[in-house]
Structures are given as C-alpha cells and as structure tokens.
PDB file of N, CA and C in Angstrom:
ATOM      1  N   MET A   1     -87.532 -59.644  45.767  1.00  0.00           N
ATOM      2  CA  MET A   1     -86.223 -60.183  46.151  1.00  0.00           C
ATOM      3  C   MET A   1     -85.640 -61.093  44.951  1.00  0.00           C
ATOM      4  N   ALA A   2     -84.400 -60.884  44.596  1.00  0.00           N
ATOM      5  CA  ALA A   2     -83.872 -61.725  43.648  1.00  0.00           C
ATOM      6  C   ALA A   2     -83.292 -62.936  44.321  1.00  0.00           C
ATOM      7  N   SER A   3     -83.419 -64.078  43.603  1.00  0.00           N
ATOM      8  CA  SER A   3     -83.001 -65.367  44.097  1.00  0.00           C
ATOM      9  C   SER A   3     -81.438 -65.199  44.307  1.00  0.00           C
ATOM     10  N   GLU A   4     -80.673 -64.521  43.629  1.00  0.00           N
ATOM     11  CA  GLU A   4     -79.243 -64.353  44.016  1.00  0.00           C
ATOM     12  C   GLU A   4     -79.094 -63.735  45.216  1.00  0.00           C
ATOM     13  N   GLN A   5     -79.798 -62.897  45.665  1.00  0.00           N
ATOM     14  CA  GLN A   5     -79.504 -62.369  47.001  1.00  0.00           C
ATOM     15  C   GLN A   5     -79.723 -63.374  48.127  1.00  0.00           C
ATOM     16  N   LEU A   6     -80.925 -64.351  47.921  1.00  0.00           N
ATOM     17  CA  LEU A   6     -81.092 -65.484  48.907  1.00  0.00           C
ATOM     18  C   LEU A   6     -79.844 -66.304  48.839  1.00  0.00           C
ATOM     19  N   LYS A   7     -79.449 -66.643  47.703  1.00  0.00           N
ATOM     20  CA  LYS A   7     -78.348 -67.631  47.723  1.00  0.00           C
ATOM     21  C   LYS A   7     -77.063 -67.097  48.288  1.00  0.00           C
ATOM     22  N   LYS A   8     -76.794 -65.898  47.959  1.00  0.00           N
ATOM     23  CA  LYS A   8     -75.588 -65.479  48.650  1.00  0.00           C
ATOM     24  C   LYS A   8     -75.674 -65.207  50.186  1.00  0.00           C
ATOM     25  N   HIS A   9     -76.909 -64.845  50.701  1.00  0.00           N
ATOM     26  CA  HIS A   9     -77.108 -64.726  52.188  1.00  0.00           C
ATOM     27  C   HIS A   9     -76.989 -66.068  52.759  1.00  0.00           C
ATOM     28  N   LEU A  10     -77.625 -67.273  52.010  1.00  0.00           N
ATOM     29  CA  LEU A  10     -77.478 -68.677  52.641  1.00  0.00           C
ATOM     30  C   LEU A  10     -76.079 -69.276  52.709  1.00  0.00           C
ATOM     31  N   LYS A  11     -75.367 -68.767  51.505  1.00  0.00           N
ATOM     32  CA  LYS A  11     -74.040 -69.453  51.437  1.00  0.00           C
ATOM     33  C   LYS A  11     -72.970 -68.501  52.527  1.00  0.00           C
ATOM     34  N   GLY A  12     -73.352 -67.351  52.661  1.00  0.00           N
ATOM     35  CA  GLY A  12     -72.517 -66.472  53.519  1.00  0.00           C
ATOM     36  C   GLY A  12     -72.874 -66.587  54.848  1.00  0.00           C
ATOM     37  N   ASN A  13     -74.008 -66.867  55.382  1.00  0.00           N
ATOM     38  CA  ASN A  13     -74.479 -66.770  56.703  1.00  0.00           C
ATOM     39  C   ASN A  13     -75.072 -67.943  57.244  1.00  0.00           C
ATOM     40  N   CYS A  14     -75.621 -68.973  56.262  1.00  0.00           N
ATOM     41  CA  CYS A  14     -76.155 -70.272  56.771  1.00  0.00           C
ATOM     42  C   CYS A  14     -75.585 -71.455  55.986  1.00  0.00           C
ATOM     43  N   LEU A  15     -74.291 -71.523  56.230  1.00  0.00           N
ATOM     44  CA  LEU A  15     -73.516 -72.656  55.619  1.00  0.00           C
ATOM     45  C   LEU A  15     -73.540 -73.571  56.409  1.00  0.00           C
ATOM     46  N   GLY A  16     -74.027 -74.797  56.279  1.00  0.00           N
ATOM     47  CA  GLY A  16     -74.156 -76.052  56.988  1.00  0.00           C
ATOM     48  C   GLY A  16     -75.195 -76.096  57.813  1.00  0.00           C
ATOM     49  N   ARG A  17     -75.609 -77.249  58.183  1.00  0.00           N
ATOM     50  CA  ARG A  17     -76.735 -77.616  59.221  1.00  0.00           C
ATOM     51  C   ARG A  17     -76.754 -76.744  60.468  1.00  0.00           C
ATOM     52  N   GLY A  18     -75.583 -76.766  61.023  1.00  0.00           N
ATOM     53  CA  GLY A  18     -75.534 -75.927  62.172  1.00  0.00           C
ATOM     54  C   GLY A  18     -75.758 -74.454  62.204  1.00  0.00           C
ATOM     55  N   ASN A  19     -75.881 -73.898  61.031  1.00  0.00           N
ATOM     56  CA  ASN A  19     -76.061 -72.362  60.907  1.00  0.00           C
ATOM     57  C   ASN A  19     -77.482 -72.211  60.160  1.00  0.00           C
ATOM     58  N   ALA A  20     -78.398 -73.163  60.315  1.00  0.00           N
ATOM     59  CA  ALA A  20     -79.611 -72.953  59.771  1.00  0.00           C
ATOM     60  C   ALA A  20     -80.490 -71.714  60.112  1.00  0.00           C
ATOM     61  N   ALA A  21     -81.304 -71.280  59.257  1.00  0.00           N
ATOM     62  CA  ALA A  21     -82.135 -70.240  59.516  1.00  0.00           C
ATOM     63  C   ALA A  21     -83.461 -70.716  59.211  1.00  0.00           C
ATOM     64  N   THR A  22     -84.415 -70.444  60.126  1.00  0.00           N
ATOM     65  CA  THR A  22     -85.866 -70.651  59.950  1.00  0.00           C
ATOM     66  C   THR A  22     -86.604 -70.032  58.815  1.00  0.00           C
ATOM     67  N   TYR A  23     -87.616 -70.462  58.178  1.00  0.00           N
ATOM     68  CA  TYR A  23     -88.244 -69.740  57.134  1.00  0.00           C
ATOM     69  C   TYR A  23     -88.710 -68.486  57.741  1.00  0.00           C
ATOM     70  N   GLN A  24     -89.133 -68.422  58.840  1.00  0.00           N
ATOM     71  CA  GLN A  24     -89.686 -67.202  59.364  1.00  0.00           C
ATOM     72  C   GLN A  24     -88.576 -66.092  59.528  1.00  0.00           C
ATOM     73  N   GLU A  25     -87.369 -66.423  59.979  1.00  0.00           N
ATOM     74  CA  GLU A  25     -86.374 -65.549  60.065  1.00  0.00           C
ATOM     75  C   GLU A  25     -85.928 -65.031  58.680  1.00  0.00           C
ATOM     76  N   LEU A  26     -85.974 -65.985  57.761  1.00  0.00           N
ATOM     77  CA  LEU A  26     -85.244 -65.705  56.432  1.00  0.00           C
ATOM     78  C   LEU A  26     -86.447 -64.657  55.729  1.00  0.00           C
ATOM     79  N   ALA A  27     -87.759 -65.108  55.937  1.00  0.00           N
ATOM     80  CA  ALA A  27     -88.735 -64.272  55.364  1.00  0.00           C
ATOM     81  C   ALA A  27     -88.745 -62.826  55.851  1.00  0.00           C
ATOM     82  N   GLN A  28     -88.465 -62.749  57.288  1.00  0.00           N
ATOM     83  CA  GLN A  28     -88.448 -61.418  57.770  1.00  0.00           C
ATOM     84  C   GLN A  28     -87.086 -60.597  57.358  1.00  0.00           C
ATOM     85  N   THR A  29     -86.064 -61.448  57.251  1.00  0.00           N
ATOM     86  CA  THR A  29     -84.911 -60.784  56.668  1.00  0.00           C
ATOM     87  C   THR A  29     -85.097 -60.002  55.470  1.00  0.00           C
ATOM     88  N   PHE A  30     -85.769 -60.873  54.457  1.00  0.00           N
ATOM     89  CA  PHE A  30     -86.049 -60.345  52.969  1.00  0.00           C
ATOM     90  C   PHE A  30     -87.247 -59.727  52.660  1.00  0.00           C
ATOM     91  N   ARG A  31     -87.940 -59.480  53.993  1.00  0.00           N
ATOM     92  CA  ARG A  31     -89.320 -58.681  53.876  1.00  0.00           C
ATOM     93  C   ARG A  31     -90.197 -59.368  52.767  1.00  0.00           C
ATOM     94  N   ILE A  32     -90.399 -60.703  52.949  1.00  0.00           N
ATOM     95  CA  ILE A  32     -91.364 -61.382  51.978  1.00  0.00           C
ATOM     96  C   ILE A  32     -92.107 -62.508  52.746  1.00  0.00           C
ATOM     97  N   SER A  33     -93.059 -62.988  52.045  1.00  0.00           N
ATOM     98  CA  SER A  33     -93.758 -64.135  52.897  1.00  0.00           C
ATOM     99  C   SER A  33     -93.085 -65.342  52.766  1.00  0.00           C
ATOM    100  N   GLU A  34     -93.639 -66.308  53.758  1.00  0.00           N
ATOM    101  CA  GLU A  34     -92.800 -67.617  53.663  1.00  0.00           C
ATOM    102  C   GLU A  34     -93.090 -68.270  52.372  1.00  0.00           C
ATOM    103  N   LYS A  35     -94.267 -68.225  51.718  1.00  0.00           N
ATOM    104  CA  LYS A  35     -94.612 -68.639  50.629  1.00  0.00           C
ATOM    105  C   LYS A  35     -93.651 -68.220  49.266  1.00  0.00           C
ATOM    106  N   GLU A  36     -93.544 -66.977  49.400  1.00  0.00           N
ATOM    107  CA  GLU A  36     -92.549 -66.457  48.288  1.00  0.00           C
ATOM    108  C   GLU A  36     -91.223 -67.017  48.676  1.00  0.00           C
ATOM    109  N   LEU A  37     -90.669 -67.089  49.866  1.00  0.00           N
ATOM    110  CA  LEU A  37     -89.560 -67.632  50.098  1.00  0.00           C
ATOM    111  C   LEU A  37     -89.338 -69.054  49.680  1.00  0.00           C
ATOM    112  N   GLN A  38     -90.522 -69.865  49.810  1.00  0.00           N
ATOM    113  CA  GLN A  38     -90.289 -71.335  49.328  1.00  0.00           C
ATOM    114  C   GLN A  38     -90.128 -71.204  47.869  1.00  0.00           C
ATOM    115  N   ARG A  39     -90.907 -70.353  47.142  1.00  0.00           N
ATOM    116  CA  ARG A  39     -90.792 -70.186  45.685  1.00  0.00           C
ATOM    117  C   ARG A  39     -89.430 -69.776  45.200  1.00  0.00           C
ATOM    118  N   GLN A  40     -88.656 -69.009  45.692  1.00  0.00           N
ATOM    119  CA  GLN A  40     -87.469 -68.637  45.664  1.00  0.00           C
ATOM    120  C   GLN A  40     -86.292 -69.925  45.827  1.00  0.00           C
ATOM    121  N   VAL A  41     -86.575 -70.542  47.000  1.00  0.00           N
ATOM    122  CA  VAL A  41     -85.765 -71.671  47.387  1.00  0.00           C
ATOM    123  C   VAL A  41     -86.003 -72.758  46.025  1.00  0.00           C
ATOM    124  N   ASN A  42     -87.234 -72.916  45.662  1.00  0.00           N
ATOM    125  CA  ASN A  42     -87.278 -74.155  44.632  1.00  0.00           C
ATOM    126  C   ASN A  42     -86.637 -73.457  43.404  1.00  0.00           C
ATOM    127  N   ARG A  43     -86.904 -72.144  43.052  1.00  0.00           N
ATOM    128  CA  ARG A  43     -86.117 -71.731  41.898  1.00  0.00           C
ATOM    129  C   ARG A  43     -84.518 -72.007  41.924  1.00  0.00           C
ATOM    130  N   LEU A  44     -84.053 -71.909  43.013  1.00  0.00           N
ATOM    131  CA  LEU A  44     -82.511 -71.781  43.229  1.00  0.00           C
ATOM    132  C   LEU A  44     -82.159 -73.326  43.000  1.00  0.00           C
ATOM    133  N   ARG A  45     -82.976 -74.202  43.837  1.00  0.00           N
ATOM    134  CA  ARG A  45     -82.725 -75.670  43.680  1.00  0.00           C
ATOM    135  C   ARG A  45     -82.851 -76.168  42.279  1.00  0.00           C
ATOM    136  N   LYS A  46     -83.817 -75.531  41.456  1.00  0.00           N
ATOM    137  CA  LYS A  46     -83.845 -76.119  40.122  1.00  0.00           C
ATOM    138  C   LYS A  46     -82.649 -75.748  39.259  1.00  0.00           C
ATOM    139  N   LYS A  47     -81.999 -74.725  39.904  1.00  0.00           N
ATOM    140  CA  LYS A  47     -80.765 -74.296  39.002  1.00  0.00           C
ATOM    141  C   LYS A  47     -79.476 -75.017  39.851  1.00  0.00           C
ATOM    142  N   GLN A  48     -79.746 -75.969  40.519  1.00  0.00           N
ATOM    143  CA  GLN A  48     -78.768 -76.788  41.072  1.00  0.00           C
ATOM    144  C   GLN A  48     -77.978 -76.151  42.201  1.00  0.00           C
ATOM    145  N   VAL A  49     -78.560 -75.201  42.914  1.00  0.00           N
ATOM    146  CA  VAL A  49     -77.906 -74.646  44.025  1.00  0.00           C
ATOM    147  C   VAL A  49     -78.223 -75.520  45.297  1.00  0.00           C
ATOM    148  N   PRO A  50     -77.446 -76.026  45.907  1.00  0.00           N
ATOM    149  CA  PRO A  50     -77.481 -76.981  47.191  1.00  0.00           C
ATOM    150  C   PRO A  50     -77.987 -76.348  48.221  1.00  0.00           C
ATOM    151  N   ILE A  51     -79.333 -75.824  48.363  1.00  0.00           N
ATOM    152  CA  ILE A  51     -79.917 -75.367  49.539  1.00  0.00           C
ATOM    153  C   ILE A  51     -80.677 -76.555  50.241  1.00  0.00           C
ATOM    154  N   CYS A  52     -80.398 -76.884  51.380  1.00  0.00           N
ATOM    155  CA  CYS A  52     -81.047 -77.867  52.184  1.00  0.00           C
ATOM    156  C   CYS A  52     -82.125 -77.425  53.093  1.00  0.00           C
ATOM    157  N   GLY A  53     -82.807 -78.182  53.827  1.00  0.00           N
ATOM    158  CA  GLY A  53     -83.804 -77.893  54.733  1.00  0.00           C
ATOM    159  C   GLY A  53     -83.769 -78.960  55.787  1.00  0.00           C
ATOM    160  N   GLY A  54     -84.122 -78.649  56.972  1.00  0.00           N
ATOM    161  CA  GLY A  54     -84.265 -79.645  57.989  1.00  0.00           C
ATOM    162  C   GLY A  54     -85.134 -79.106  59.098  1.00  0.00           C
ATOM    163  N   PRO A  55     -85.169 -79.767  60.116  1.00  0.00           N
ATOM    164  CA  PRO A  55     -85.942 -79.243  61.378  1.00  0.00           C
ATOM    165  C   PRO A  55     -85.689 -78.034  61.890  1.00  0.00           C
ATOM    166  N   ASP A  56     -84.346 -77.581  61.719  1.00  0.00           N
ATOM    167  CA  ASP A  56     -83.930 -76.428  62.207  1.00  0.00           C
ATOM    168  C   ASP A  56     -83.950 -75.151  61.248  1.00  0.00           C
ATOM    169  N   GLY A  57     -84.476 -75.494  59.960  1.00  0.00           N
ATOM    170  CA  GLY A  57     -84.561 -74.543  59.008  1.00  0.00           C
ATOM    171  C   GLY A  57     -83.746 -74.708  57.649  1.00  0.00           C
ATOM    172  N   MET A  58     -83.589 -73.516  57.056  1.00  0.00           N
ATOM    173  CA  MET A  58     -82.896 -73.849  55.690  1.00  0.00           C
ATOM    174  C   MET A  58     -81.399 -73.371  55.856  1.00  0.00           C
ATOM    175  N   PHE A  59     -80.620 -74.140  54.957  1.00  0.00           N
ATOM    176  CA  PHE A  59     -79.082 -73.797  55.118  1.00  0.00           C
ATOM    177  C   PHE A  59     -78.434 -73.981  53.596  1.00  0.00           C
ATOM    178  N   TYR A  60     -77.257 -73.736  53.280  1.00  0.00           N
ATOM    179  CA  TYR A  60     -76.665 -74.097  52.185  1.00  0.00           C
ATOM    180  C   TYR A  60     -75.828 -75.137  52.498  1.00  0.00           C
ATOM    181  N   ALA A  61     -75.672 -76.355  51.815  1.00  0.00           N
ATOM    182  CA  ALA A  61     -74.993 -77.413  51.981  1.00  0.00           C
ATOM    183  C   ALA A  61     -73.521 -77.318  52.214  1.00  0.00           C
ATOM    184  N   ARG A  62     -73.122 -77.598  53.378  1.00  0.00           N
ATOM    185  CA  ARG A  62     -71.522 -77.601  53.336  1.00  0.00           C
ATOM    186  C   ARG A  62     -70.968 -78.900  52.842  1.00  0.00           C
ATOM    187  N   ASN A  63     -71.703 -79.943  52.748  1.00  0.00           N
ATOM    188  CA  ASN A  63     -70.949 -81.093  52.223  1.00  0.00           C
ATOM    189  C   ASN A  63     -72.076 -82.000  51.600  1.00  0.00           C
ATOM    190  N   ALA A  64     -71.601 -83.090  50.923  1.00  0.00           N
ATOM    191  CA  ALA A  64     -72.575 -84.130  50.163  1.00  0.00           C
ATOM    192  C   ALA A  64     -73.538 -84.642  51.108  1.00  0.00           C
ATOM    193  N   GLY A  65     -73.154 -85.111  52.394  1.00  0.00           N
ATOM    194  CA  GLY A  65     -74.032 -85.593  53.328  1.00  0.00           C
ATOM    195  C   GLY A  65     -75.097 -84.814  53.636  1.00  0.00           C
ATOM    196  N   GLU A  66     -75.003 -83.501  53.738  1.00  0.00           N
ATOM    197  CA  GLU A  66     -76.106 -82.776  54.202  1.00  0.00           C
ATOM    198  C   GLU A  66     -77.124 -82.647  52.931  1.00  0.00           C
ATOM    199  N   LEU A  67     -76.520 -82.574  51.731  1.00  0.00           N
ATOM    200  CA  LEU A  67     -77.373 -82.397  50.503  1.00  0.00           C
ATOM    201  C   LEU A  67     -78.098 -83.771  50.247  1.00  0.00           C
ATOM    202  N   TYR A  68     -77.446 -84.897  50.612  1.00  0.00           N
ATOM    203  CA  TYR A  68     -78.176 -86.048  50.440  1.00  0.00           C
ATOM    204  C   TYR A  68     -79.323 -86.341  51.304  1.00  0.00           C
ATOM    205  N   ASP A  69     -79.152 -85.913  52.684  1.00  0.00           N
ATOM    206  CA  ASP A  69     -80.264 -86.069  53.626  1.00  0.00           C
ATOM    207  C   ASP A  69     -81.458 -85.416  53.111  1.00  0.00           C
ATOM    208  N   THR A  70     -81.161 -83.984  52.473  1.00  0.00           N
ATOM    209  CA  THR A  70     -82.421 -83.283  52.008  1.00  0.00           C
ATOM    210  C   THR A  70     -82.986 -84.012  50.871  1.00  0.00           C
ATOM    211  N   ILE A  71     -82.225 -84.485  49.970  1.00  0.00           N
ATOM    212  CA  ILE A  71     -82.855 -85.292  48.734  1.00  0.00           C
ATOM    213  C   ILE A  71     -83.558 -86.310  49.284  1.00  0.00           C
ATOM    214  N   GLN A  72     -83.169 -87.299  50.434  1.00  0.00           N
ATOM    215  CA  GLN A  72     -83.819 -88.254  50.902  1.00  0.00           C
ATOM    216  C   GLN A  72     -85.239 -87.821  51.293  1.00  0.00           C
ATOM    217  N   ASN A  73     -85.194 -86.769  52.006  1.00  0.00           N
ATOM    218  CA  ASN A  73     -86.515 -86.198  52.656  1.00  0.00           C
ATOM    219  C   ASN A  73     -87.506 -85.626  51.660  1.00  0.00           C
ATOM    220  N   LEU A  74     -86.872 -85.081  50.582  1.00  0.00           N
ATOM    221  CA  LEU A  74     -87.840 -84.683  49.387  1.00  0.00           C
ATOM    222  C   LEU A  74     -88.531 -85.836  48.764  1.00  0.00           C
ATOM    223  N   LYS A  75     -87.593 -86.744  48.787  1.00  0.00           N
ATOM    224  CA  LYS A  75     -88.090 -88.097  47.886  1.00  0.00           C
ATOM    225  C   LYS A  75     -89.127 -88.766  48.689  1.00  0.00           C
ATOM    226  N   ALA A  76     -88.987 -88.702  50.171  1.00  0.00           N
ATOM    227  CA  ALA A  76     -90.008 -89.187  50.986  1.00  0.00           C
ATOM    228  C   ALA A  76     -91.315 -88.432  50.903  1.00  0.00           C
ATOM    229  N   MET A  77     -91.376 -87.163  50.917  1.00  0.00           N
ATOM    230  CA  MET A  77     -92.380 -86.371  50.718  1.00  0.00           C
ATOM    231  C   MET A  77     -92.986 -86.661  49.547  1.00  0.00           C
ATOM    232  N   ALA A  78     -92.375 -86.725  48.550  1.00  0.00           N
ATOM    233  CA  ALA A  78     -92.831 -87.046  46.933  1.00  0.00           C
ATOM    234  C   ALA A  78     -93.623 -88.239  47.059  1.00  0.00           C
ATOM    235  N   ALA A  79     -92.950 -89.363  47.759  1.00  0.00           N
ATOM    236  CA  ALA A  79     -93.757 -90.689  47.609  1.00  0.00           C
ATOM    237  C   ALA A  79     -95.107 -90.431  48.447  1.00  0.00           C
ATOM    238  N   GLY A  80     -94.970 -89.656  49.566  1.00  0.00           N
ATOM    239  CA  GLY A  80     -96.184 -89.568  50.220  1.00  0.00           C
ATOM    240  C   GLY A  80     -97.335 -88.768  49.562  1.00  0.00           C
ATOM    241  N   LEU A  81     -97.052 -87.985  48.820  1.00  0.00           N
ATOM    242  CA  LEU A  81     -97.848 -87.041  47.926  1.00  0.00           C
ATOM    243  C   LEU A  81     -98.380 -88.019  46.960  1.00  0.00           C
ATOM    244  N   LYS A  82     -97.423 -88.927  46.206  1.00  0.00           N
ATOM    245  CA  LYS A  82     -98.068 -89.660  45.069  1.00  0.00           C
ATOM    246  C   LYS A  82     -99.124 -90.624  45.778  1.00  0.00           C
ATOM    247  N   GLU A  83     -98.801 -91.141  47.071  1.00  0.00           N
ATOM    248  CA  GLU A  83     -99.889 -92.121  47.591  1.00  0.00           C
ATOM    249  C   GLU A  83    -101.125 -91.464  47.871  1.00  0.00           C
ATOM    250  N   VAL A  84    -101.036 -90.147  48.328  1.00  0.00           N
ATOM    251  CA  VAL A  84    -102.335 -89.376  48.591  1.00  0.00           C
ATOM    252  C   VAL A  84    -103.068 -89.215  47.272  1.00  0.00           C
ATOM    253  N   ILE A  85    -102.376 -88.731  46.220  1.00  0.00           N
ATOM    254  CA  ILE A  85    -102.958 -88.444  44.961  1.00  0.00           C
ATOM    255  C   ILE A  85    -103.611 -89.690  44.464  1.00  0.00           C
ATOM    256  N   ALA A  86    -102.976 -90.987  44.587  1.00  0.00           N
ATOM    257  CA  ALA A  86    -103.506 -92.091  44.059  1.00  0.00           C
ATOM    258  C   ALA A  86    -104.855 -92.537  44.796  1.00  0.00           C
ATOM    259  N   SER A  87    -104.906 -92.145  46.149  1.00  0.00           N
ATOM    260  CA  SER A  87    -106.026 -92.414  47.017  1.00  0.00           C
ATOM    261  C   SER A  87    -107.215 -91.492  46.504  1.00  0.00           C
ATOM    262  N   LEU A  88    -106.886 -90.409  46.545  1.00  0.00           N
ATOM    263  CA  LEU A  88    -107.802 -89.305  46.139  1.00  0.00           C
ATOM    264  C   LEU A  88    -108.673 -89.595  44.685  1.00  0.00           C
ATOM    265  N   GLU A  89    -107.582 -90.104  43.814  1.00  0.00           N
ATOM    266  CA  GLU A  89    -108.170 -90.464  42.378  1.00  0.00           C
ATOM    267  C   GLU A  89    -109.172 -91.718  42.745  1.00  0.00           C
ATOM    268  N   GLY A  90    -108.652 -92.581  43.520  1.00  0.00           N
ATOM    269  CA  GLY A  90    -109.393 -93.800  43.865  1.00  0.00           C
ATOM    270  C   GLY A  90    -110.972 -93.264  44.328  1.00  0.00           C
ATOM    271  N   SER A  91    -110.788 -92.219  45.234  1.00  0.00           N
ATOM    272  CA  SER A  91    -112.253 -91.746  45.825  1.00  0.00           C
ATOM    273  C   SER A  91    -113.104 -91.212  44.826  1.00  0.00           C
ATOM    274  N   LEU A  92    -112.581 -90.793  43.594  1.00  0.00           N
ATOM    275  CA  LEU A  92    -113.426 -90.226  42.540  1.00  0.00           C
ATOM    276  C   LEU A  92    -114.526 -91.297  42.066  1.00  0.00           C
ATOM    277  N   LYS A  93    -114.590 -92.532  42.097  1.00  0.00           N
ATOM    278  CA  LYS A  93    -115.444 -93.422  42.003  1.00  0.00           C
ATOM    279  C   LYS A  93    -116.720 -93.235  42.796  1.00  0.00           C
ATOM    280  N   ASN A  94    -116.576 -92.833  44.106  1.00  0.00           N
ATOM    281  CA  ASN A  94    -117.601 -92.568  45.007  1.00  0.00           C
ATOM    282  C   ASN A  94    -118.558 -91.222  44.652  1.00  0.00           C
ATOM    283  N   PHE A  95    -118.000 -90.553  43.688  1.00  0.00           N
ATOM    284  CA  PHE A  95    -118.765 -89.228  43.358  1.00  0.00           C
ATOM    285  C   PHE A  95    -119.586 -89.463  42.015  1.00  0.00           C
ATOM    286  N   GLY A  96    -119.413 -90.547  41.548  1.00  0.00           N
ATOM    287  CA  GLY A  96    -120.279 -90.957  40.138  1.00  0.00           C
ATOM    288  C   GLY A  96    -119.618 -90.105  39.089  1.00  0.00           C
ATOM    289  N   GLU A  97    -120.576 -89.703  38.257  1.00  0.00           N
ATOM    290  CA  GLU A  97    -120.172 -88.945  37.078  1.00  0.00           C
ATOM    291  C   GLU A  97    -119.629 -87.498  37.713  1.00  0.00           C
ATOM    292  N   VAL A  98    -118.502 -87.093  37.037  1.00  0.00           N
ATOM    293  CA  VAL A  98    -117.908 -85.887  37.306  1.00  0.00           C
ATOM    294  C   VAL A  98    -118.690 -84.736  36.497  1.00  0.00           C
ATOM    295  N   GLN A  99    -119.047 -83.696  37.097  1.00  0.00           N
ATOM    296  CA  GLN A  99    -119.956 -82.586  36.626  1.00  0.00           C
ATOM    297  C   GLN A  99    -119.165 -81.317  36.226  1.00  0.00           C
ATOM    298  N   ASP A 100    -119.532 -80.603  35.460  1.00  0.00           N
ATOM    299  CA  ASP A 100    -119.032 -79.145  35.191  1.00  0.00           C
ATOM    300  C   ASP A 100    -117.639 -79.107  34.608  1.00  0.00           C
ATOM    301  N   GLY A 101    -117.156 -80.126  33.988  1.00  0.00           N
ATOM    302  CA  GLY A 101    -115.824 -80.106  33.414  1.00  0.00           C
ATOM    303  C   GLY A 101    -114.798 -80.127  34.478  1.00  0.00           C
ATOM    304  N   ALA A 102    -115.230 -80.616  35.751  1.00  0.00           N
ATOM    305  CA  ALA A 102    -114.175 -80.686  36.788  1.00  0.00           C
ATOM    306  C   ALA A 102    -113.527 -81.990  36.857  1.00  0.00           C
ATOM    307  N   GLY A 103    -113.444 -82.529  35.905  1.00  0.00           N
ATOM    308  CA  GLY A 103    -112.670 -83.903  35.813  1.00  0.00           C
ATOM    309  C   GLY A 103    -111.302 -83.720  36.040  1.00  0.00           C
ATOM    310  N   PRO A 104    -110.727 -85.087  36.059  1.00  0.00           N
ATOM    311  CA  PRO A 104    -109.206 -85.136  36.286  1.00  0.00           C
ATOM    312  C   PRO A 104    -108.323 -84.362  35.290  1.00  0.00           C
ATOM    313  N   ASP A 105    -108.672 -84.155  34.064  1.00  0.00           N
ATOM    314  CA  ASP A 105    -108.155 -83.652  32.898  1.00  0.00           C
ATOM    315  C   ASP A 105    -108.479 -82.012  32.796  1.00  0.00           C
ATOM    316  N   SER A 106    -109.249 -81.540  33.608  1.00  0.00           N
ATOM    317  CA  SER A 106    -109.421 -80.102  33.558  1.00  0.00           C
ATOM    318  C   SER A 106    -108.469 -79.331  34.092  1.00  0.00           C
TER     319      SER A 106
END
C-alpha cells in the first residue's frame, strides 16, 4: 500500500474526529497488518500530513485543535517512554557487568 492511498482515504473518508476509523477497519480496508498501517501513518506524519488519532481511531485533522490534541497525546506518550527508559537504564546496575556485548551501546 502506498502512503498516498492512505492519505487520500483519510482525507476523503475520515475528515475530523467524528469520522475516525479504527486501526482494525483501516487495516482491513487496505489488506495490511495494523503494524504496517502504523508505519504508514508515521511516514505520513513525518511528511507533515495532519493525521490524528484518538480513542475512536485515526482521522485526518479538520482543524488545528484536533491536531493539537494529538500532538499533546504524543508528547505525553514520549515523556512516559523516556521515564521508562531511564528506569530500565537505572536497573542495569542490578545486573553487574554486562556480558556478550549486550551493553547499552550495542
């Protein structure tokens, strides 16, 4: 599936939060896995395509407010991941010497 097909579909059929489609629905529509759908969404977002997500699914932003909400949710997720990473890095000291080149720089 080309990212452009997904973009066109979302813009034409899922414009605004009220028209959100679930990952499962979109994956079935394009006959791809939900993981591949996520990859495609991320590719589009990196190209500044305003694809939003929420409890009801994915949608193409209708306005700046919808986009802002998605940005805030992603920032919260990133902060949570950063905290988990720091905690796991702190837990490394409980393992002593790292073996088999499996250290944090590997």
